[in-house]
Amino acid sequence: MRSHHSTYVALATLVSLLLLAVFPAIVWAQAGSAPGVPVAAPVENPGLSLSDDVYTMALLILAGILVLGLGVACLELWDLQRKRDDEAVQLQAQIGDALLRDRKLARFPVAPTVHIPMRRRATATIELHGQVPTTELRQSVLRVAEQEATRILQAYRIQDHITVEATVGAQAA
């Protein structure tokens, strides 16, 4: 099943291609011939004849459809980015809450930052910033972040910006 986003993008692409196919034909039909090239005498057509106003109106309608299609596609992309940002904030809060629930990690200044790209299958990035007194506590922070990310995301990577400083434990205690 196709998502609304891909349907709108396909519609905008189709309208753009239609406009690109029709516009040169209209311009060519109105341009006549190049300078210096003899022009054949016009042939009387007893059938229907379209005036310049009809071509102009058709062009304006097609341009309007194109602009509308592009506008809808832009709105869909904006909505998709908003949803990804909401997912990132939710995961960031869950990792932060999990760190606060762990008694040995709750007193250290560690903050997660999550970036989720717009493409669904792209790899999300979880950055961990802060300070802990030992490498064991640093590994515990990484493990907690990985457990929370595994529950929500399929593809992610953790960027470790946690520093180990012995003085942090004395300040936090």
C-alpha atoms as a PDB file:
ATOM      1  CA  MET A   1       0.000   0.000   0.000  1.00  0.00           C
ATOM      2  CA  ARG A   2       1.419   3.376  -0.989  1.00  0.00           C
ATOM      3  CA  SER A   3       1.625   6.155   1.545  1.00  0.00           C
ATOM      4  CA  HIS A   4      -0.042   9.513   0.979  1.00  0.00           C
ATOM      5  CA  HIS A   5       3.389  11.101   0.618  1.00  0.00           C
ATOM      6  CA  SER A   6       4.465   8.917  -2.292  1.00  0.00           C
ATOM      7  CA  THR A   7       1.064   9.323  -3.953  1.00  0.00           C
ATOM      8  CA  TYR A   8       1.335  13.127  -3.868  1.00  0.00           C
ATOM      9  CA  VAL A   9       4.905  13.057  -5.132  1.00  0.00           C
ATOM     10  CA  ALA A  10       3.866  10.752  -7.992  1.00  0.00           C
ATOM     11  CA  LEU A  11       0.959  13.070  -8.829  1.00  0.00           C
ATOM     12  CA  ALA A  12       3.205  16.138  -8.836  1.00  0.00           C
ATOM     13  CA  THR A  13       5.714  14.349 -11.069  1.00  0.00           C
ATOM     14  CA  LEU A  14       2.976  13.280 -13.484  1.00  0.00           C
ATOM     15  CA  VAL A  15       1.578  16.803 -13.712  1.00  0.00           C
ATOM     16  CA  SER A  16       5.090  18.193 -14.281  1.00  0.00           C
ATOM     17  CA  LEU A  17       5.755  15.730 -17.093  1.00  0.00           C
ATOM     18  CA  LEU A  18       2.383  16.501 -18.650  1.00  0.00           C
ATOM     19  CA  LEU A  19       3.133  20.205 -18.523  1.00  0.00           C
ATOM     20  CA  LEU A  20       6.558  19.662 -20.064  1.00  0.00           C
ATOM     21  CA  ALA A  21       4.995  17.602 -22.863  1.00  0.00           C
ATOM     22  CA  VAL A  22       2.169  20.045 -23.645  1.00  0.00           C
ATOM     23  CA  PHE A  23       3.993  23.373 -23.262  1.00  0.00           C
ATOM     24  CA  PRO A  24       6.466  22.931 -26.173  1.00  0.00           C
ATOM     25  CA  ALA A  25       3.633  21.817 -28.468  1.00  0.00           C
ATOM     26  CA  ILE A  26       1.647  24.946 -27.645  1.00  0.00           C
ATOM     27  CA  VAL A  27       4.659  27.222 -28.104  1.00  0.00           C
ATOM     28  CA  TRP A  28       5.650  25.510 -31.342  1.00  0.00           C
ATOM     29  CA  ALA A  29       2.117  25.773 -32.721  1.00  0.00           C
ATOM     30  CA  GLN A  30       2.025  29.508 -31.969  1.00  0.00           C
ATOM     31  CA  ALA A  31       5.571  30.327 -33.085  1.00  0.00           C
ATOM     32  CA  GLY A  32       5.118  29.786 -36.803  1.00  0.00           C
ATOM     33  CA  SER A  33       8.325  29.334 -38.783  1.00  0.00           C
ATOM     34  CA  ALA A  34      11.857  30.628 -38.503  1.00  0.00           C
ATOM     35  CA  PRO A  35      12.867  33.846 -40.344  1.00  0.00           C
ATOM     36  CA  GLY A  36      13.811  33.291 -43.974  1.00  0.00           C
ATOM     37  CA  VAL A  37      11.899  30.022 -44.270  1.00  0.00           C
ATOM     38  CA  PRO A  38       8.977  30.161 -46.672  1.00  0.00           C
ATOM     39  CA  VAL A  39       5.640  29.624 -45.035  1.00  0.00           C
ATOM     40  CA  ALA A  40       3.082  27.406 -46.675  1.00  0.00           C
ATOM     41  CA  ALA A  41      -0.296  28.923 -47.272  1.00  0.00           C
ATOM     42  CA  PRO A  42      -2.686  28.211 -44.422  1.00  0.00           C
ATOM     43  CA  VAL A  43      -5.123  25.432 -45.069  1.00  0.00           C
ATOM     44  CA  GLU A  44      -8.724  26.192 -44.389  1.00  0.00           C
ATOM     45  CA  ASN A  45     -10.071  23.830 -41.759  1.00  0.00           C
ATOM     46  CA  PRO A  46     -13.836  23.617 -41.689  1.00  0.00           C
ATOM     47  CA  GLY A  47     -13.652  21.834 -38.300  1.00  0.00           C
ATOM     48  CA  LEU A  48     -12.983  23.267 -34.875  1.00  0.00           C
ATOM     49  CA  SER A  49     -10.376  25.991 -34.482  1.00  0.00           C
ATOM     50  CA  LEU A  50      -8.765  26.824 -31.153  1.00  0.00           C
ATOM     51  CA  SER A  51      -7.885  30.419 -30.507  1.00  0.00           C
ATOM     52  CA  ASP A  52      -4.891  31.755 -28.618  1.00  0.00           C
ATOM     53  CA  ASP A  53      -7.124  32.362 -25.603  1.00  0.00           C
ATOM     54  CA  VAL A  54      -7.876  28.652 -25.292  1.00  0.00           C
ATOM     55  CA  TYR A  55      -4.175  27.768 -25.415  1.00  0.00           C
ATOM     56  CA  THR A  56      -3.396  30.429 -22.841  1.00  0.00           C
ATOM     57  CA  MET A  57      -6.175  29.188 -20.580  1.00  0.00           C
ATOM     58  CA  ALA A  58      -4.985  25.579 -20.914  1.00  0.00           C
ATOM     59  CA  LEU A  59      -1.447  26.639 -20.072  1.00  0.00           C
ATOM     60  CA  LEU A  60      -2.612  28.587 -17.028  1.00  0.00           C
ATOM     61  CA  ILE A  61      -4.699  25.648 -15.811  1.00  0.00           C
ATOM     62  CA  LEU A  62      -1.767  23.264 -16.210  1.00  0.00           C
ATOM     63  CA  ALA A  63       0.552  25.697 -14.429  1.00  0.00           C
ATOM     64  CA  GLY A  64      -1.976  25.999 -11.608  1.00  0.00           C
ATOM     65  CA  ILE A  65      -2.200  22.233 -11.292  1.00  0.00           C
ATOM     66  CA  LEU A  66       1.593  22.026 -11.219  1.00  0.00           C
ATOM     67  CA  VAL A  67       1.854  24.652  -8.491  1.00  0.00           C
ATOM     68  CA  LEU A  68      -0.892  22.945  -6.494  1.00  0.00           C
ATOM     69  CA  GLY A  69       0.820  19.556  -6.835  1.00  0.00           C
ATOM     70  CA  LEU A  70       4.164  20.955  -5.755  1.00  0.00           C
ATOM     71  CA  GLY A  71       2.521  22.709  -2.821  1.00  0.00           C
ATOM     72  CA  VAL A  72       0.896  19.473  -1.662  1.00  0.00           C
ATOM     73  CA  ALA A  73       4.214  17.628  -2.021  1.00  0.00           C
ATOM     74  CA  CYS A  74       5.977  20.294   0.065  1.00  0.00           C
ATOM     75  CA  LEU A  75       3.317  20.049   2.773  1.00  0.00           C
ATOM     76  CA  GLU A  76       3.683  16.284   2.862  1.00  0.00           C
ATOM     77  CA  LEU A  77       7.461  16.576   3.225  1.00  0.00           C
ATOM     78  CA  TRP A  78       7.032  19.126   6.014  1.00  0.00           C
ATOM     79  CA  ASP A  79       4.595  16.802   7.801  1.00  0.00           C
ATOM     80  CA  LEU A  80       6.996  13.872   7.437  1.00  0.00           C
ATOM     81  CA  GLN A  81       9.855  15.929   8.920  1.00  0.00           C
ATOM     82  CA  ARG A  82       7.628  16.951  11.837  1.00  0.00           C
ATOM     83  CA  LYS A  83       6.771  13.301  12.517  1.00  0.00           C
ATOM     84  CA  ARG A  84      10.457  12.333  12.474  1.00  0.00           C
ATOM     85  CA  ASP A  85      11.251  15.159  14.883  1.00  0.00           C
ATOM     86  CA  ASP A  86       8.480  13.952  17.215  1.00  0.00           C
ATOM     87  CA  GLU A  87       9.895  10.410  17.125  1.00  0.00           C
ATOM     88  CA  ALA A  88      13.360  11.761  17.935  1.00  0.00           C
ATOM     89  CA  VAL A  89      12.069  13.765  20.903  1.00  0.00           C
ATOM     90  CA  GLN A  90      10.158  10.724  22.191  1.00  0.00           C
ATOM     91  CA  LEU A  91      13.221   8.463  22.008  1.00  0.00           C
ATOM     92  CA  GLN A  92      15.399  11.146  23.555  1.00  0.00           C
ATOM     93  CA  ALA A  93      12.991  11.429  26.491  1.00  0.00           C
ATOM     94  CA  GLN A  94      12.822   7.653  26.914  1.00  0.00           C
ATOM     95  CA  ILE A  95      16.608   7.342  27.039  1.00  0.00           C
ATOM     96  CA  GLY A  96      16.819  10.216  29.513  1.00  0.00           C
ATOM     97  CA  ASP A  97      14.128   8.644  31.712  1.00  0.00           C
ATOM     98  CA  ALA A  98      15.890   5.263  31.605  1.00  0.00           C
ATOM     99  CA  LEU A  99      19.128   6.910  32.720  1.00  0.00           C
ATOM    100  CA  LEU A 100      17.304   8.612  35.591  1.00  0.00           C
ATOM    101  CA  ARG A 101      15.643   5.338  36.670  1.00  0.00           C
ATOM    102  CA  ASP A 102      19.028   3.650  37.041  1.00  0.00           C
ATOM    103  CA  ARG A 103      20.167   4.577  40.583  1.00  0.00           C
ATOM    104  CA  LYS A 104      23.890   4.455  39.831  1.00  0.00           C
ATOM    105  CA  LEU A 105      23.520   6.682  36.715  1.00  0.00           C
ATOM    106  CA  ALA A 106      20.850   9.160  37.856  1.00  0.00           C
ATOM    107  CA  ARG A 107      23.252  11.554  39.585  1.00  0.00           C
ATOM    108  CA  PHE A 108      25.627  12.059  36.637  1.00  0.00           C
ATOM    109  CA  PRO A 109      25.175  14.756  33.971  1.00  0.00           C
ATOM    110  CA  VAL A 110      24.533  12.693  30.836  1.00  0.00           C
ATOM    111  CA  ALA A 111      22.199  13.950  28.108  1.00  0.00           C
ATOM    112  CA  PRO A 112      21.041  12.124  24.970  1.00  0.00           C
ATOM    113  CA  THR A 113      20.354  13.863  21.649  1.00  0.00           C
ATOM    114  CA  VAL A 114      18.551  11.932  18.901  1.00  0.00           C
ATOM    115  CA  HIS A 115      18.512  12.719  15.164  1.00  0.00           C
ATOM    116  CA  ILE A 116      16.169  10.697  12.922  1.00  0.00           C
ATOM    117  CA  PRO A 117      16.485  11.303   9.159  1.00  0.00           C
ATOM    118  CA  MET A 118      13.422  11.688   6.934  1.00  0.00           C
ATOM    119  CA  ARG A 119      13.922   8.400   5.111  1.00  0.00           C
ATOM    120  CA  ARG A 120      12.333   5.542   7.033  1.00  0.00           C
ATOM    121  CA  ARG A 121      15.183   3.061   6.568  1.00  0.00           C
ATOM    122  CA  ALA A 122      18.005   5.528   7.201  1.00  0.00           C
ATOM    123  CA  THR A 123      20.185   5.152  10.263  1.00  0.00           C
ATOM    124  CA  ALA A 124      19.225   7.277  13.266  1.00  0.00           C
ATOM    125  CA  THR A 125      21.968   8.903  15.353  1.00  0.00           C
ATOM    126  CA  ILE A 126      21.971   8.952  19.146  1.00  0.00           C
ATOM    127  CA  GLU A 127      24.543  11.271  20.679  1.00  0.00           C
ATOM    128  CA  LEU A 128      25.412  10.915  24.349  1.00  0.00           C
ATOM    129  CA  HIS A 129      27.101  13.891  26.030  1.00  0.00           C
ATOM    130  CA  GLY A 130      28.200  14.150  29.621  1.00  0.00           C
ATOM    131  CA  GLN A 131      30.649  13.059  32.278  1.00  0.00           C
ATOM    132  CA  VAL A 132      30.939   9.998  34.488  1.00  0.00           C
ATOM    133  CA  PRO A 133      33.678   9.016  36.989  1.00  0.00           C
ATOM    134  CA  THR A 134      34.477   5.492  35.686  1.00  0.00           C
ATOM    135  CA  THR A 135      34.599   3.560  32.427  1.00  0.00           C
ATOM    136  CA  GLU A 136      32.155   1.015  33.904  1.00  0.00           C
ATOM    137  CA  LEU A 137      29.546   3.737  34.377  1.00  0.00           C
ATOM    138  CA  ARG A 138      30.241   4.940  30.831  1.00  0.00           C
ATOM    139  CA  GLN A 139      29.562   1.431  29.533  1.00  0.00           C
ATOM    140  CA  SER A 140      26.377   1.306  31.615  1.00  0.00           C
ATOM    141  CA  VAL A 141      25.152   4.543  30.020  1.00  0.00           C
ATOM    142  CA  LEU A 142      25.863   3.151  26.541  1.00  0.00           C
ATOM    143  CA  ARG A 143      24.068  -0.108  27.390  1.00  0.00           C
ATOM    144  CA  VAL A 144      20.948   1.703  28.678  1.00  0.00           C
ATOM    145  CA  ALA A 145      20.825   3.896  25.562  1.00  0.00           C
ATOM    146  CA  GLU A 146      21.216   0.850  23.325  1.00  0.00           C
ATOM    147  CA  GLN A 147      18.424  -1.038  25.117  1.00  0.00           C
ATOM    148  CA  GLU A 148      15.997   1.860  24.699  1.00  0.00           C
ATOM    149  CA  ALA A 149      16.951   2.431  21.060  1.00  0.00           C
ATOM    150  CA  THR A 150      16.563  -1.265  20.212  1.00  0.00           C
ATOM    151  CA  ARG A 151      12.958  -1.206  21.438  1.00  0.00           C
ATOM    152  CA  ILE A 152      11.986   1.610  19.038  1.00  0.00           C
ATOM    153  CA  LEU A 153      14.425   1.814  16.126  1.00  0.00           C
ATOM    154  CA  GLN A 154      15.570  -0.723  13.570  1.00  0.00           C
ATOM    155  CA  ALA A 155      18.747   1.056  12.489  1.00  0.00           C
ATOM    156  CA  TYR A 156      20.698   3.369  14.749  1.00  0.00           C
ATOM    157  CA  ARG A 157      24.211   4.282  15.778  1.00  0.00           C
ATOM    158  CA  ILE A 158      25.399   5.677  19.058  1.00  0.00           C
ATOM    159  CA  GLN A 159      27.970   8.449  19.126  1.00  0.00           C
ATOM    160  CA  ASP A 160      29.774   8.409  22.446  1.00  0.00           C
ATOM    161  CA  HIS A 161      30.807  11.868  23.648  1.00  0.00           C
ATOM    162  CA  ILE A 162      30.921  10.860  27.323  1.00  0.00           C
ATOM    163  CA  THR A 163      34.111  11.761  29.157  1.00  0.00           C
ATOM    164  CA  VAL A 164      35.459   9.885  32.133  1.00  0.00           C
ATOM    165  CA  GLU A 165      36.560  12.234  34.912  1.00  0.00           C
ATOM    166  CA  ALA A 166      37.159  11.037  38.456  1.00  0.00           C
ATOM    167  CA  THR A 167      36.150  14.415  39.902  1.00  0.00           C
ATOM    168  CA  VAL A 168      32.573  14.053  38.621  1.00  0.00           C
ATOM    169  CA  GLY A 169      31.748  11.440  41.274  1.00  0.00           C
ATOM    170  CA  ALA A 170      32.940  13.713  44.082  1.00  0.00           C
ATOM    171  CA  GLN A 171      30.880  16.641  42.776  1.00  0.00           C
ATOM    172  CA  ALA A 172      27.728  14.575  42.275  1.00  0.00           C
ATOM    173  CA  ALA A 173      27.902  12.945  45.714  1.00  0.00           C
END
